[in-house]
Amino acid sequence: MPDPHIFHATDFDAYEPSKWSSNVYNLERLKVKQKLEALGRALGPELRTGAGAGSLAWEVSAEHPALWNNHQVRSQQLYFLRKYRGKAARLRERRAQREGKEN
């Protein structure tokens, strides 16, 4: 049985132009999304935003045609973003870094 975490050429068949707007291929795209999610869970904690910063949050794009993707799934992406920290927390962190450099 193939490893469910490895991408295969057949995983990308659901992204052929003739299939972009069809809900028939949602299950195939969902399987790819699940592989991308597993990759995000594995990589997210390892990626850092800078010295002493926390890990990045991650998201995966939708696997089904919807209003926000113009009712077409041309591709799916795994993307990483900085976790939100309030402005006050960022200012405190910068101040602490500056004070540490002065000493």
C-alpha atoms as a PDB file:
ATOM      1  CA  MET A   1       0.000   0.000   0.000  1.00  0.00           C
ATOM      2  CA  PRO A   2       1.429   3.407  -0.929  1.00  0.00           C
ATOM      3  CA  ASP A   3       2.540   5.752   1.825  1.00  0.00           C
ATOM      4  CA  PRO A   4      -0.341   8.218   2.431  1.00  0.00           C
ATOM      5  CA  HIS A   5       2.124  11.071   3.112  1.00  0.00           C
ATOM      6  CA  ILE A   6       4.018  10.866  -0.176  1.00  0.00           C
ATOM      7  CA  PHE A   7       2.780  12.767  -3.210  1.00  0.00           C
ATOM      8  CA  HIS A   8       2.349  10.800  -6.419  1.00  0.00           C
ATOM      9  CA  ALA A   9       1.815  12.011  -9.984  1.00  0.00           C
ATOM     10  CA  THR A  10      -1.779  10.758  -9.853  1.00  0.00           C
ATOM     11  CA  ASP A  11      -2.486  13.114  -6.920  1.00  0.00           C
ATOM     12  CA  PHE A  12      -2.362  15.998  -9.356  1.00  0.00           C
ATOM     13  CA  ASP A  13      -4.803  14.580 -11.909  1.00  0.00           C
ATOM     14  CA  ALA A  14      -7.692  16.342 -10.124  1.00  0.00           C
ATOM     15  CA  TYR A  15      -6.146  19.694 -11.086  1.00  0.00           C
ATOM     16  CA  GLU A  16      -6.473  19.212 -14.838  1.00  0.00           C
ATOM     17  CA  PRO A  17      -8.318  22.179 -16.401  1.00  0.00           C
ATOM     18  CA  SER A  18     -11.347  20.048 -17.321  1.00  0.00           C
ATOM     19  CA  LYS A  19     -11.824  19.226 -13.604  1.00  0.00           C
ATOM     20  CA  TRP A  20     -11.357  22.681 -12.026  1.00  0.00           C
ATOM     21  CA  SER A  21     -15.039  23.464 -11.495  1.00  0.00           C
ATOM     22  CA  SER A  22     -16.379  19.963 -10.876  1.00  0.00           C
ATOM     23  CA  ASN A  23     -17.410  18.759  -7.422  1.00  0.00           C
ATOM     24  CA  VAL A  24     -16.924  15.167  -8.612  1.00  0.00           C
ATOM     25  CA  TYR A  25     -13.198  15.515  -7.870  1.00  0.00           C
ATOM     26  CA  ASN A  26     -13.534  16.942  -4.349  1.00  0.00           C
ATOM     27  CA  LEU A  27     -12.549  13.635  -2.717  1.00  0.00           C
ATOM     28  CA  GLU A  28      -9.364  13.414  -4.796  1.00  0.00           C
ATOM     29  CA  ARG A  29      -8.496  17.000  -3.895  1.00  0.00           C
ATOM     30  CA  LEU A  30      -9.363  16.353  -0.228  1.00  0.00           C
ATOM     31  CA  LYS A  31      -6.786  13.553  -0.151  1.00  0.00           C
ATOM     32  CA  VAL A  32      -4.149  15.987  -1.442  1.00  0.00           C
ATOM     33  CA  LYS A  33      -5.274  18.548   1.139  1.00  0.00           C
ATOM     34  CA  GLN A  34      -4.795  15.973   3.901  1.00  0.00           C
ATOM     35  CA  LYS A  35      -1.231  15.329   2.700  1.00  0.00           C
ATOM     36  CA  LEU A  36      -0.573  19.078   2.694  1.00  0.00           C
ATOM     37  CA  GLU A  37      -1.989  19.326   6.232  1.00  0.00           C
ATOM     38  CA  ALA A  38       0.327  16.534   7.391  1.00  0.00           C
ATOM     39  CA  LEU A  39       3.228  18.442   5.845  1.00  0.00           C
ATOM     40  CA  GLY A  40       2.120  21.629   7.627  1.00  0.00           C
ATOM     41  CA  ARG A  41       1.923  19.827  10.974  1.00  0.00           C
ATOM     42  CA  ALA A  42       5.416  18.434  10.444  1.00  0.00           C
ATOM     43  CA  LEU A  43       7.073  21.632   9.208  1.00  0.00           C
ATOM     44  CA  GLY A  44       5.183  24.324  11.128  1.00  0.00           C
ATOM     45  CA  PRO A  45       6.881  23.821  14.502  1.00  0.00           C
ATOM     46  CA  GLU A  46      10.306  23.717  12.821  1.00  0.00           C
ATOM     47  CA  LEU A  47       9.939  27.022  11.000  1.00  0.00           C
ATOM     48  CA  ARG A  48      10.768  30.148  12.976  1.00  0.00           C
ATOM     49  CA  THR A  49       9.997  33.797  12.312  1.00  0.00           C
ATOM     50  CA  GLY A  50      13.273  35.095  13.715  1.00  0.00           C
ATOM     51  CA  ALA A  51      15.625  34.886  16.647  1.00  0.00           C
ATOM     52  CA  GLY A  52      13.692  33.784  19.693  1.00  0.00           C
ATOM     53  CA  ALA A  53      10.372  33.929  17.849  1.00  0.00           C
ATOM     54  CA  GLY A  54       7.722  31.265  17.845  1.00  0.00           C
ATOM     55  CA  SER A  55       6.770  28.892  15.095  1.00  0.00           C
ATOM     56  CA  LEU A  56       4.602  29.832  12.163  1.00  0.00           C
ATOM     57  CA  ALA A  57       0.914  29.058  11.760  1.00  0.00           C
ATOM     58  CA  TRP A  58      -0.116  27.248   8.584  1.00  0.00           C
ATOM     59  CA  GLU A  59      -3.205  26.919   6.410  1.00  0.00           C
ATOM     60  CA  VAL A  60      -4.212  24.929   3.340  1.00  0.00           C
ATOM     61  CA  SER A  61      -6.388  26.354   0.581  1.00  0.00           C
ATOM     62  CA  ALA A  62      -9.864  24.983  -0.147  1.00  0.00           C
ATOM     63  CA  GLU A  63     -10.253  21.711  -2.016  1.00  0.00           C
ATOM     64  CA  HIS A  64     -13.737  22.431  -3.366  1.00  0.00           C
ATOM     65  CA  PRO A  65     -15.079  24.983  -5.854  1.00  0.00           C
ATOM     66  CA  ALA A  66     -16.458  27.983  -3.975  1.00  0.00           C
ATOM     67  CA  LEU A  67     -17.210  31.655  -4.370  1.00  0.00           C
ATOM     68  CA  TRP A  68     -13.763  32.755  -3.103  1.00  0.00           C
ATOM     69  CA  ASN A  69     -11.921  30.631  -5.697  1.00  0.00           C
ATOM     70  CA  ASN A  70     -14.220  31.620  -8.575  1.00  0.00           C
ATOM     71  CA  HIS A  71     -15.818  28.141  -8.410  1.00  0.00           C
ATOM     72  CA  GLN A  72     -12.587  26.576  -9.661  1.00  0.00           C
ATOM     73  CA  VAL A  73      -9.858  24.629  -7.915  1.00  0.00           C
ATOM     74  CA  ARG A  74      -6.840  25.126 -10.134  1.00  0.00           C
ATOM     75  CA  SER A  75      -4.355  24.292  -7.375  1.00  0.00           C
ATOM     76  CA  GLN A  76      -4.020  23.923  -3.641  1.00  0.00           C
ATOM     77  CA  GLN A  77      -1.437  25.619  -1.485  1.00  0.00           C
ATOM     78  CA  LEU A  78       0.067  25.076   1.899  1.00  0.00           C
ATOM     79  CA  TYR A  79       1.143  28.447   3.236  1.00  0.00           C
ATOM     80  CA  PHE A  80       2.768  29.630   6.418  1.00  0.00           C
ATOM     81  CA  LEU A  81       2.178  32.894   8.257  1.00  0.00           C
ATOM     82  CA  ARG A  82       3.323  34.525  11.437  1.00  0.00           C
ATOM     83  CA  LYS A  83       1.111  33.854  14.393  1.00  0.00           C
ATOM     84  CA  TYR A  84      -0.652  36.995  15.511  1.00  0.00           C
ATOM     85  CA  ARG A  85       0.805  38.684  18.530  1.00  0.00           C
ATOM     86  CA  GLY A  86      -0.666  41.940  19.666  1.00  0.00           C
ATOM     87  CA  LYS A  87       1.132  45.186  18.975  1.00  0.00           C
ATOM     88  CA  ALA A  88       1.917  45.662  22.678  1.00  0.00           C
ATOM     89  CA  ALA A  89       3.666  42.265  22.829  1.00  0.00           C
ATOM     90  CA  ARG A  90       5.760  43.081  19.757  1.00  0.00           C
ATOM     91  CA  LEU A  91       6.763  46.454  21.217  1.00  0.00           C
ATOM     92  CA  ARG A  92       7.789  44.840  24.538  1.00  0.00           C
ATOM     93  CA  GLU A  93       9.860  42.273  22.668  1.00  0.00           C
ATOM     94  CA  ARG A  94      11.642  44.929  20.599  1.00  0.00           C
ATOM     95  CA  ARG A  95      12.303  47.034  23.697  1.00  0.00           C
ATOM     96  CA  ALA A  96      13.774  44.037  25.501  1.00  0.00           C
ATOM     97  CA  GLN A  97      15.997  43.258  22.512  1.00  0.00           C
ATOM     98  CA  ARG A  98      17.269  46.856  22.378  1.00  0.00           C
ATOM     99  CA  GLU A  99      17.935  46.921  26.115  1.00  0.00           C
ATOM    100  CA  GLY A 100      19.795  43.626  25.862  1.00  0.00           C
ATOM    101  CA  LYS A 101      22.064  45.036  23.145  1.00  0.00           C
ATOM    102  CA  GLU A 102      22.877  48.146  25.201  1.00  0.00           C
ATOM    103  CA  ASN A 103      24.103  46.128  28.189  1.00  0.00           C
END
